[in-house]
């Protein structure tokens, strides 16, 4: 347990000094695994002498073999092929310049209300997330189109950036979702049901975000002035221009819901549909295709480096007994299943202040699944609970990846201004988490109706 805590401390130190999370996880996991393996046979890693050096060499070699095997298992996992496909689909959609049109269509209906431009931003994030699957991509893309408009109408920077950062989290709740794929593979849960289960909670989050903006602007009307009213004819014209997003979403989710194809097949179909849509608009020539493929390769590589690091670090803490200690603590609570899930949510909220969302899921899902399955917990429901808890980590300090994405897109805004603006949305997400915890049907109703 002690060496595990030392490993976590070293990991946090490396992250603090700017070492990328994936590489920090790999380094600490490798060294920690070698130390624990050496100590298990009575010899510390740094022991001098021929016997000690030989033992240390075997320990280091064992750590390297473990790391190589884990990386090989990850890249040969057929289920993970959906990740680059969904990322590529999002890249094609981005090339189609639909983000601006989604934002314009959303603002046409709510922009004339107090705080309406921020509400339109949330709606645009939901629409873009429905064909993207990445919170970072959603926040970065919508920020570029939403921030200039909100500044033009005099919106407070805290409200504008907070709405964008929070709205970006919808990218991993509204299907398709990369974290849901990771969770489904690690917990051996039906990914198709997880996708469908995310629809209603995603809509719930949008409604709660709308309510948050309404309250914020009611308390401070100057933070979100009314925009221009758009005639009804123009509104429907703007909606008609985003038909591609609707068609792609309906084809993917409708096909999965009806049992016509698997999530992996749906990803392939979604890529083809997004490519055809972008090509039909004249936005997908050879240059754009190459840029989309390169962008997908870079993003997928980043995801896989974090995944590699998380599984290597997970093997280290498992060998050190940390996993067993956490399991014993949760079981020792003698709480009903809901109480155990609430305790796990607390763990997620604490980890979310430091860890990336994918790293959190890869590190913890195998542990928690082994505890919850014997208790009879619905793993589809828990998957949605876990994703909402992970979403919170995307907008809470000190990491708050979405916050830093928005900050990088709007460099003249102070980082604490963004954090100040996002806190009301954190409360809204906590409310959504409580609702899904207390009313499981929010997540289980639609999966229960799926074709079998």
Protein backbone atom coordinates (compact mmCIF):
# COMPACT_ATOMS: atom_id res chain seq x y z
CA UNK A 1 0.00 0.00 0.00
CA UNK A 2 2.86 2.36 0.88
CA UNK A 3 4.69 1.90 -2.42
CA UNK A 4 1.41 2.46 -4.28
CA UNK A 5 0.93 5.79 -2.52
CA UNK A 6 4.54 6.73 -3.30
CA UNK A 7 3.84 5.85 -6.93
CA UNK A 8 0.80 8.12 -6.99
CA UNK A 9 2.83 10.94 -5.41
CA UNK A 10 5.62 10.57 -7.98
CA UNK A 11 3.03 10.48 -10.76
CA UNK A 12 1.45 13.72 -9.55
CA UNK A 13 4.90 15.30 -9.33
CA UNK A 14 5.71 14.35 -12.92
CA UNK A 15 2.38 15.72 -14.15
CA UNK A 16 2.97 18.94 -12.19
CA UNK A 17 6.33 19.41 -13.93
CA UNK A 18 4.75 19.00 -17.34
CA UNK A 19 5.40 15.37 -18.24
CA UNK A 20 2.51 14.16 -20.47
CA UNK A 21 0.11 11.95 -18.53
CA UNK A 22 0.54 8.85 -20.70
CA UNK A 23 4.34 8.88 -20.47
CA UNK A 24 4.24 9.63 -16.72
CA UNK A 25 1.96 6.62 -16.20
CA UNK A 26 4.26 4.37 -18.25
CA UNK A 27 7.40 5.49 -16.40
CA UNK A 28 5.98 5.17 -12.88
CA UNK A 29 4.23 1.91 -13.75
CA UNK A 30 7.41 0.33 -15.14
CA UNK A 31 9.66 1.38 -12.25
CA UNK A 32 7.05 0.56 -9.63
CA UNK A 33 6.33 -2.87 -11.11
CA UNK A 34 10.06 -3.71 -11.16
CA UNK A 35 10.52 -2.58 -7.53
CA UNK A 36 7.52 -4.53 -6.28
CA UNK A 37 8.52 -7.63 -8.22
CA UNK A 38 12.04 -7.49 -6.76
CA UNK A 39 10.76 -6.87 -3.22
CA UNK A 40 8.36 -9.81 -3.47
CA UNK A 41 11.35 -12.18 -3.48
CA UNK A 42 13.14 -10.35 -0.72
CA UNK A 43 15.50 -8.12 -2.63
CA UNK A 44 15.23 -4.37 -3.14
CA UNK A 45 15.76 -3.02 -6.60
CA UNK A 46 18.86 -1.03 -5.70
CA UNK A 47 20.66 -3.88 -3.89
CA UNK A 48 24.32 -4.13 -4.81
CA UNK A 49 26.22 -7.36 -5.47
CA UNK A 50 26.05 -9.99 -8.18
CA UNK A 51 22.96 -11.72 -6.77
CA UNK A 52 21.16 -8.44 -6.28
CA UNK A 53 22.02 -7.17 -9.74
CA UNK A 54 20.87 -10.42 -11.34
CA UNK A 55 17.61 -10.28 -9.43
CA UNK A 56 17.14 -6.63 -10.33
CA UNK A 57 17.79 -7.40 -13.98
CA UNK A 58 15.10 -10.08 -13.90
CA UNK A 59 12.70 -7.66 -12.22
CA UNK A 60 13.34 -4.96 -14.81
CA UNK A 61 13.08 -7.48 -17.63
CA UNK A 62 9.77 -8.72 -16.19
CA UNK A 63 8.46 -5.14 -16.07
CA UNK A 64 9.44 -4.56 -19.70
CA UNK A 65 7.85 -7.84 -20.82
CA UNK A 66 4.65 -6.92 -18.95
CA UNK A 67 4.57 -3.48 -20.60
CA UNK A 68 5.15 -4.92 -24.06
CA UNK A 69 2.42 -7.50 -23.60
CA UNK A 70 -0.07 -4.92 -22.36
CA UNK A 71 0.63 -2.62 -25.31
CA UNK A 72 0.28 -5.51 -27.75
CA UNK A 73 -3.03 -6.55 -26.18
CA UNK A 74 -4.35 -2.98 -26.51
CA UNK A 75 -3.47 -2.45 -30.16
CA UNK A 76 -4.80 -5.87 -31.19
CA UNK A 77 -8.13 -5.44 -29.37
CA UNK A 78 -10.79 -5.49 -32.10
CA UNK A 79 -13.24 -3.56 -29.94
CA UNK A 80 -10.93 -0.55 -29.84
CA UNK A 81 -11.12 -0.09 -33.61
CA UNK A 82 -14.20 2.06 -33.07
CA UNK A 83 -12.03 4.78 -31.50
CA UNK A 84 -10.14 5.90 -34.64
CA UNK A 85 -13.33 5.47 -36.66
CA UNK A 86 -15.39 7.78 -34.45
CA UNK A 87 -12.48 10.26 -34.29
CA UNK A 88 -12.26 10.25 -38.10
CA UNK A 89 -16.01 10.76 -38.36
CA UNK A 90 -15.70 13.82 -36.13
CA UNK A 91 -12.84 15.12 -38.30
CA UNK A 92 -14.96 14.83 -41.46
CA UNK A 93 -17.87 16.58 -39.76
CA UNK A 94 -15.52 19.36 -38.67
CA UNK A 95 -14.26 19.74 -42.25
CA UNK A 96 -17.90 20.09 -43.35
CA UNK A 97 -18.07 23.34 -41.32
CA UNK A 98 -21.23 22.12 -39.62
CA UNK A 99 -20.18 23.51 -36.23
CA UNK A 100 -20.98 27.09 -37.28
CA UNK A 101 -24.30 26.02 -38.76
CA UNK A 102 -25.24 24.04 -35.66
CA UNK A 103 -24.51 27.09 -33.55
CA UNK A 104 -26.49 29.39 -35.87
CA UNK A 105 -29.48 27.02 -35.89
CA UNK A 106 -29.49 26.70 -32.09
CA UNK A 107 -29.18 30.46 -31.59
CA UNK A 108 -32.00 31.10 -34.04
CA UNK A 109 -34.42 29.50 -31.56
CA UNK A 110 -33.06 30.65 -28.19
CA UNK A 111 -30.60 33.47 -28.89
CA UNK A 112 -33.20 36.21 -28.34
CA UNK A 113 -33.72 35.10 -24.74
CA UNK A 114 -31.65 36.27 -21.81
CA UNK A 115 -28.59 34.03 -21.82
CA UNK A 116 -29.84 32.58 -25.10
CA UNK A 117 -26.48 32.61 -26.87
CA UNK A 118 -25.00 30.51 -24.06
CA UNK A 119 -27.99 28.14 -24.32
CA UNK A 120 -27.42 27.95 -28.06
CA UNK A 121 -23.81 27.05 -27.34
CA UNK A 122 -24.93 24.17 -25.12
CA UNK A 123 -27.34 22.94 -27.81
CA UNK A 124 -24.61 23.17 -30.47
CA UNK A 125 -22.26 21.19 -28.22
CA UNK A 126 -24.93 18.51 -27.87
CA UNK A 127 -25.44 18.35 -31.63
CA UNK A 128 -21.73 18.22 -32.37
CA UNK A 129 -21.15 15.64 -29.63
CA UNK A 130 -23.73 13.42 -31.30
CA UNK A 131 -21.39 12.92 -34.24
CA UNK A 132 -18.02 13.44 -32.55
CA UNK A 133 -17.54 11.35 -29.37
CA UNK A 134 -14.80 13.57 -27.92
CA UNK A 135 -15.27 16.25 -25.27
CA UNK A 136 -12.00 17.99 -26.15
CA UNK A 137 -12.87 18.20 -29.85
CA UNK A 138 -16.39 19.44 -29.02
CA UNK A 139 -15.14 22.18 -26.68
CA UNK A 140 -12.36 23.30 -29.05
CA UNK A 141 -14.59 23.38 -32.14
CA UNK A 142 -17.59 25.13 -30.60
CA UNK A 143 -15.33 27.63 -28.82
CA UNK A 144 -14.08 28.94 -32.15
CA UNK A 145 -17.59 29.64 -33.44
CA UNK A 146 -19.40 30.62 -30.22
CA UNK A 147 -16.96 32.89 -28.41
CA UNK A 148 -16.85 35.71 -31.02
CA UNK A 149 -20.66 35.88 -31.14
CA UNK A 150 -21.09 36.00 -27.36
CA UNK A 151 -18.42 38.69 -27.05
CA UNK A 152 -20.11 40.73 -29.75
CA UNK A 153 -23.32 40.79 -27.69
CA UNK A 154 -21.47 41.67 -24.47
CA UNK A 155 -21.61 38.33 -22.65
CA UNK A 156 -19.44 37.98 -19.56
CA UNK A 157 -16.32 35.94 -20.32
CA UNK A 158 -16.98 33.74 -17.28
CA UNK A 159 -20.43 32.71 -18.54
CA UNK A 160 -19.25 32.27 -22.14
CA UNK A 161 -16.20 30.13 -21.38
CA UNK A 162 -17.99 28.21 -18.62
CA UNK A 163 -20.82 27.27 -20.98
CA UNK A 164 -18.37 26.11 -23.66
CA UNK A 165 -16.25 24.05 -21.25
CA UNK A 166 -19.32 22.43 -19.67
CA UNK A 167 -21.06 21.92 -23.01
CA UNK A 168 -17.97 20.13 -24.28
CA UNK A 169 -18.53 17.36 -21.75
CA UNK A 170 -21.64 16.39 -23.71
CA UNK A 171 -19.26 14.98 -26.31
CA UNK A 172 -18.68 11.88 -24.17
CA UNK A 173 -22.23 11.48 -22.84
CA UNK A 174 -24.31 11.77 -26.01
CA UNK A 175 -23.37 8.76 -28.16
CA UNK A 176 -21.10 7.85 -29.83
CA UNK A 177 -18.63 8.12 -26.95
CA UNK A 178 -15.01 6.95 -26.72
CA UNK A 179 -15.09 6.59 -22.90
CA UNK A 180 -18.22 4.43 -23.18
CA UNK A 181 -16.34 2.15 -25.58
CA UNK A 182 -13.46 1.88 -23.08
CA UNK A 183 -15.85 1.21 -20.21
CA UNK A 184 -17.80 -1.40 -22.17
CA UNK A 185 -14.65 -3.33 -23.10
CA UNK A 186 -13.19 -3.26 -19.58
CA UNK A 187 -16.43 -4.20 -17.82
CA UNK A 188 -17.63 -6.60 -20.54
CA UNK A 189 -20.81 -4.56 -20.95
CA UNK A 190 -22.78 -4.26 -24.19
CA UNK A 191 -21.46 -1.09 -25.87
CA UNK A 192 -24.62 -0.72 -27.94
CA UNK A 193 -26.73 -0.56 -24.78
CA UNK A 194 -24.30 1.94 -23.25
CA UNK A 195 -24.68 4.19 -26.27
CA UNK A 196 -28.46 4.07 -26.09
CA UNK A 197 -28.39 4.53 -22.31
CA UNK A 198 -26.52 7.83 -22.73
CA UNK A 199 -29.28 9.52 -24.75
CA UNK A 200 -31.70 10.46 -21.94
CA UNK A 201 -28.99 11.48 -19.42
CA UNK A 202 -27.41 13.58 -22.19
CA UNK A 203 -30.72 15.38 -22.77
CA UNK A 204 -31.11 15.76 -18.98
CA UNK A 205 -27.73 17.46 -18.81
CA UNK A 206 -28.70 19.87 -21.60
CA UNK A 207 -31.89 20.82 -19.76
CA UNK A 208 -29.99 21.32 -16.48
CA UNK A 209 -27.37 23.44 -18.23
CA UNK A 210 -30.17 25.55 -19.72
CA UNK A 211 -31.61 26.00 -16.24
CA UNK A 212 -28.19 26.95 -14.87
CA UNK A 213 -27.78 29.64 -17.51
CA UNK A 214 -31.30 30.95 -16.79
CA UNK A 215 -30.53 31.25 -13.08
CA UNK A 216 -27.13 32.89 -13.70
CA UNK A 217 -28.59 35.50 -16.04
CA UNK A 218 -31.58 36.10 -13.77
CA UNK A 219 -29.17 36.95 -10.94
CA UNK A 220 -26.96 39.01 -13.25
CA UNK A 221 -28.81 40.08 -16.43
CA UNK A 222 -25.75 41.91 -17.74
CA UNK A 223 -23.81 38.62 -17.93
CA UNK A 224 -26.00 37.33 -20.77
CA UNK A 225 -27.89 40.03 -22.73
CA UNK A 226 -30.56 39.10 -25.23
CA UNK A 227 -29.53 38.55 -28.83
CA UNK A 228 -31.39 39.41 -32.01
CA UNK A 229 -34.70 37.68 -32.74
CA UNK A 230 -34.67 35.57 -35.91
CA UNK A 231 -37.85 35.23 -38.05
CA UNK A 232 -39.45 31.77 -38.07
CA UNK A 233 -38.85 31.24 -41.77
CA UNK A 234 -35.13 31.87 -41.34
CA UNK A 235 -35.06 29.57 -38.29
CA UNK A 236 -36.35 26.59 -40.24
CA UNK A 237 -33.99 27.41 -43.07
CA UNK A 238 -31.05 27.19 -40.68
CA UNK A 239 -32.34 23.90 -39.27
CA UNK A 240 -32.57 22.48 -42.79
CA UNK A 241 -28.87 23.17 -43.32
CA UNK A 242 -27.82 20.80 -40.51
CA UNK A 243 -29.78 17.80 -41.80
CA UNK A 244 -26.49 15.91 -42.22
CA UNK A 245 -25.92 15.73 -38.46
CA UNK A 246 -29.45 14.48 -37.90
CA UNK A 247 -29.16 11.82 -40.62
CA UNK A 248 -25.80 10.53 -39.38
CA UNK A 249 -26.98 10.42 -35.75
CA UNK A 250 -30.25 8.66 -36.64
CA UNK A 251 -28.47 6.12 -38.84
CA UNK A 252 -25.88 5.27 -36.19
CA UNK A 253 -28.07 5.22 -33.09
CA UNK A 254 -31.17 3.93 -34.92
CA UNK A 255 -29.21 1.06 -36.45
CA UNK A 256 -27.69 0.11 -33.10
CA UNK A 257 -31.04 0.46 -31.31
CA UNK A 258 -32.80 -1.76 -33.83
CA UNK A 259 -30.02 -4.33 -33.73
CA UNK A 260 -29.21 -3.88 -37.43
CA UNK A 261 -25.48 -3.49 -36.84
CA UNK A 262 -22.88 -3.46 -34.05
CA UNK A 263 -21.15 -0.34 -32.70
CA UNK A 264 -18.03 -1.15 -34.74
CA UNK A 265 -20.09 -1.49 -37.92
CA UNK A 266 -21.96 1.70 -36.97
CA UNK A 267 -18.64 3.53 -36.69
CA UNK A 268 -17.67 2.45 -40.21
CA UNK A 269 -21.04 3.49 -41.58
CA UNK A 270 -20.80 6.81 -39.76
CA UNK A 271 -17.37 7.51 -41.27
CA UNK A 272 -18.66 6.74 -44.77
CA UNK A 273 -21.74 8.95 -44.27
CA UNK A 274 -19.68 11.83 -42.85
CA UNK A 275 -17.19 11.56 -45.73
CA UNK A 276 -19.97 11.59 -48.34
CA UNK A 277 -21.61 14.57 -46.67
CA UNK A 278 -18.34 16.52 -46.55
CA UNK A 279 -17.54 15.58 -50.16
CA UNK A 280 -21.02 16.62 -51.35
CA UNK A 281 -20.43 20.03 -49.80
CA UNK A 282 -17.11 20.35 -51.60
CA UNK A 283 -15.21 20.32 -48.30
CA UNK A 284 -13.34 17.03 -48.71
CA UNK A 285 -10.63 17.13 -51.34
CA UNK A 286 -7.33 15.26 -51.19
CA UNK A 287 -5.78 17.88 -48.92
CA UNK A 288 -8.68 17.77 -46.44
CA UNK A 289 -8.67 13.97 -46.53
CA UNK A 290 -4.96 13.86 -45.69
CA UNK A 291 -5.39 16.43 -42.91
CA UNK A 292 -8.31 14.44 -41.46
CA UNK A 293 -6.33 11.20 -41.49
CA UNK A 294 -3.29 12.85 -39.88
CA UNK A 295 -5.49 14.49 -37.25
CA UNK A 296 -7.14 11.14 -36.53
CA UNK A 297 -3.77 9.42 -36.23
CA UNK A 298 -2.48 12.02 -33.78
CA UNK A 299 -5.63 11.96 -31.64
CA UNK A 300 -5.82 8.15 -31.64
CA UNK A 301 -2.13 7.98 -30.75
CA UNK A 302 -2.68 10.28 -27.78
CA UNK A 303 -5.59 8.14 -26.59
CA UNK A 304 -3.61 4.93 -26.92
CA UNK A 305 -0.54 6.34 -25.11
CA UNK A 306 -2.78 7.20 -22.15
CA UNK A 307 -4.37 3.74 -22.41
CA UNK A 308 -0.94 2.06 -22.46
CA UNK A 309 0.18 4.05 -19.43
CA UNK A 310 -3.01 3.39 -17.51
CA UNK A 311 -2.88 -0.40 -17.92
CA UNK A 312 0.86 -0.51 -17.06
CA UNK A 313 0.30 1.65 -13.97
CA UNK A 314 -2.73 -0.47 -13.11
CA UNK A 315 -0.58 -3.62 -13.19
CA UNK A 316 1.87 -1.95 -10.81
CA UNK A 317 -0.76 -0.98 -8.22
CA UNK A 318 -2.45 -4.39 -8.58
CA UNK A 319 0.84 -6.16 -7.84
CA UNK A 320 1.50 -3.81 -4.93
CA UNK A 321 -1.85 -4.67 -3.34
CA UNK A 322 -3.52 -1.29 -3.78
CA UNK A 323 -6.40 -2.81 -5.73
CA UNK A 324 -7.05 -5.36 -3.03
CA UNK A 325 -6.97 -2.64 -0.36
CA UNK A 326 -9.57 -0.56 -2.24
CA UNK A 327 -11.74 -3.65 -2.74
CA UNK A 328 -11.50 -4.56 0.94
CA UNK A 329 -12.42 -1.00 1.89
CA UNK A 330 -15.50 -0.93 -0.33
CA UNK A 331 -16.64 -4.38 0.81
CA UNK A 332 -15.90 -3.44 4.41
CA UNK A 333 -18.38 -0.60 4.24
CA UNK A 334 -21.15 -3.22 4.57
CA UNK A 335 -23.30 -0.85 2.58
CA UNK A 336 -26.08 -1.71 0.10
CA UNK A 337 -25.13 -1.63 -3.61
CA UNK A 338 -26.28 1.99 -3.97
CA UNK A 339 -24.08 3.00 -1.03
CA UNK A 340 -21.07 1.31 -2.63
CA UNK A 341 -21.76 3.08 -5.94
CA UNK A 342 -22.00 6.42 -4.12
CA UNK A 343 -18.63 5.71 -2.46
CA UNK A 344 -17.16 4.92 -5.89
CA UNK A 345 -18.53 8.23 -7.21
CA UNK A 346 -16.70 10.04 -4.40
CA UNK A 347 -13.50 8.26 -5.44
CA UNK A 348 -14.11 9.35 -9.05
CA UNK A 349 -14.73 12.96 -8.05
CA UNK A 350 -11.44 13.03 -6.12
CA UNK A 351 -9.49 11.34 -8.93
CA UNK A 352 -11.08 13.65 -11.48
CA UNK A 353 -9.21 16.58 -9.97
CA UNK A 354 -5.93 14.98 -11.12
CA UNK A 355 -6.44 12.26 -13.74
CA UNK A 356 -7.55 12.23 -17.36
CA UNK A 357 -10.97 10.65 -17.97
CA UNK A 358 -9.65 7.68 -19.95
CA UNK A 359 -6.92 7.02 -17.39
CA UNK A 360 -9.51 7.01 -14.60
CA UNK A 361 -11.72 4.50 -16.38
CA UNK A 362 -8.86 2.17 -17.36
CA UNK A 363 -7.40 2.25 -13.85
CA UNK A 364 -10.63 1.68 -11.96
CA UNK A 365 -13.29 -0.07 -14.06
CA UNK A 366 -11.81 -3.60 -13.75
CA UNK A 367 -11.62 -3.14 -9.97
CA UNK A 368 -15.09 -1.72 -9.51
CA UNK A 369 -16.71 -4.13 -11.97
CA UNK A 370 -15.34 -7.09 -9.99
CA UNK A 371 -16.96 -5.66 -6.85
CA UNK A 372 -20.29 -4.54 -8.30
CA UNK A 373 -21.18 -7.50 -10.53
CA UNK A 374 -21.56 -9.98 -7.62
CA UNK A 375 -23.83 -7.42 -5.94
CA UNK A 376 -26.18 -7.53 -8.94
CA UNK A 377 -25.57 -3.91 -9.99
CA UNK A 378 -26.74 -3.09 -13.52
CA UNK A 379 -23.44 -2.37 -15.29
CA UNK A 380 -25.12 -0.31 -18.02
CA UNK A 381 -26.56 1.99 -15.35
CA UNK A 382 -23.23 2.15 -13.52
CA UNK A 383 -21.51 2.95 -16.82
CA UNK A 384 -23.61 6.09 -17.20
CA UNK A 385 -22.98 7.00 -13.56
CA UNK A 386 -19.24 6.56 -14.11
CA UNK A 387 -19.23 8.66 -17.29
CA UNK A 388 -21.06 11.55 -15.57
CA UNK A 389 -18.56 11.38 -12.68
CA UNK A 390 -15.70 11.35 -15.18
CA UNK A 391 -17.27 14.30 -17.02
CA UNK A 392 -17.04 16.30 -13.82
CA UNK A 393 -13.30 15.75 -13.83
CA UNK A 394 -13.10 17.49 -17.22
CA UNK A 395 -14.15 20.84 -15.73
CA UNK A 396 -12.82 20.76 -12.15
CA UNK A 397 -9.40 22.04 -11.03
CA UNK A 398 -6.48 21.54 -11.05
CA UNK A 399 -6.51 19.51 -14.33
CA UNK A 400 -9.91 20.35 -15.90
CA UNK A 401 -8.86 19.47 -19.46
CA UNK A 402 -11.85 21.17 -21.08
CA UNK A 403 -11.09 24.35 -19.15
CA UNK A 404 -7.54 24.42 -20.50
CA UNK A 405 -8.81 23.69 -24.03
CA UNK A 406 -11.06 26.75 -23.82
CA UNK A 407 -8.24 28.80 -22.29
CA UNK A 408 -5.91 27.87 -25.16
CA UNK A 409 -8.58 28.92 -27.68
CA UNK A 410 -9.20 32.24 -25.86
CA UNK A 411 -5.74 33.13 -24.50
CA UNK A 412 -6.73 36.61 -23.28
CA UNK A 413 -9.10 35.12 -20.67
CA UNK A 414 -7.65 34.29 -17.25
CA UNK A 415 -7.82 30.59 -16.36
CA UNK A 416 -9.56 31.38 -13.08
CA UNK A 417 -12.22 33.29 -14.98
CA UNK A 418 -13.04 30.06 -16.82
CA UNK A 419 -13.08 28.04 -13.58
CA UNK A 420 -15.33 30.64 -11.96
CA UNK A 421 -17.75 30.43 -14.85
CA UNK A 422 -17.82 26.65 -14.89
CA UNK A 423 -18.66 26.08 -11.22
CA UNK A 424 -22.44 26.56 -11.61
CA UNK A 425 -22.35 23.90 -14.33
CA UNK A 426 -20.46 21.58 -11.96
CA UNK A 427 -23.43 21.87 -9.59
CA UNK A 428 -25.79 21.06 -12.49
CA UNK A 429 -23.76 17.94 -13.30
CA UNK A 430 -23.83 16.89 -9.65
CA UNK A 431 -27.62 17.24 -9.80
CA UNK A 432 -27.69 15.03 -12.92
CA UNK A 433 -25.50 12.46 -11.16
CA UNK A 434 -27.86 12.38 -8.18
CA UNK A 435 -30.90 11.99 -10.44
CA UNK A 436 -29.34 9.06 -12.33
CA UNK A 437 -28.29 7.47 -9.01
CA UNK A 438 -31.77 7.74 -7.49
CA UNK A 439 -33.74 7.11 -10.68
CA UNK A 440 -31.86 4.34 -12.55
CA UNK A 441 -34.59 4.21 -15.20
CA UNK A 442 -33.12 7.44 -16.57
CA UNK A 443 -30.31 5.29 -17.96
CA UNK A 444 -31.94 1.86 -18.26
CA UNK A 445 -35.29 2.67 -19.91
CA UNK A 446 -34.14 2.91 -23.54
CA UNK A 447 -31.71 -0.06 -23.38
CA UNK A 448 -34.58 -2.15 -22.01
CA UNK A 449 -36.56 -1.50 -25.18
CA UNK A 450 -33.77 -2.44 -27.58
CA UNK A 451 -34.15 -5.27 -30.10
CA UNK A 452 -32.61 -8.45 -28.80
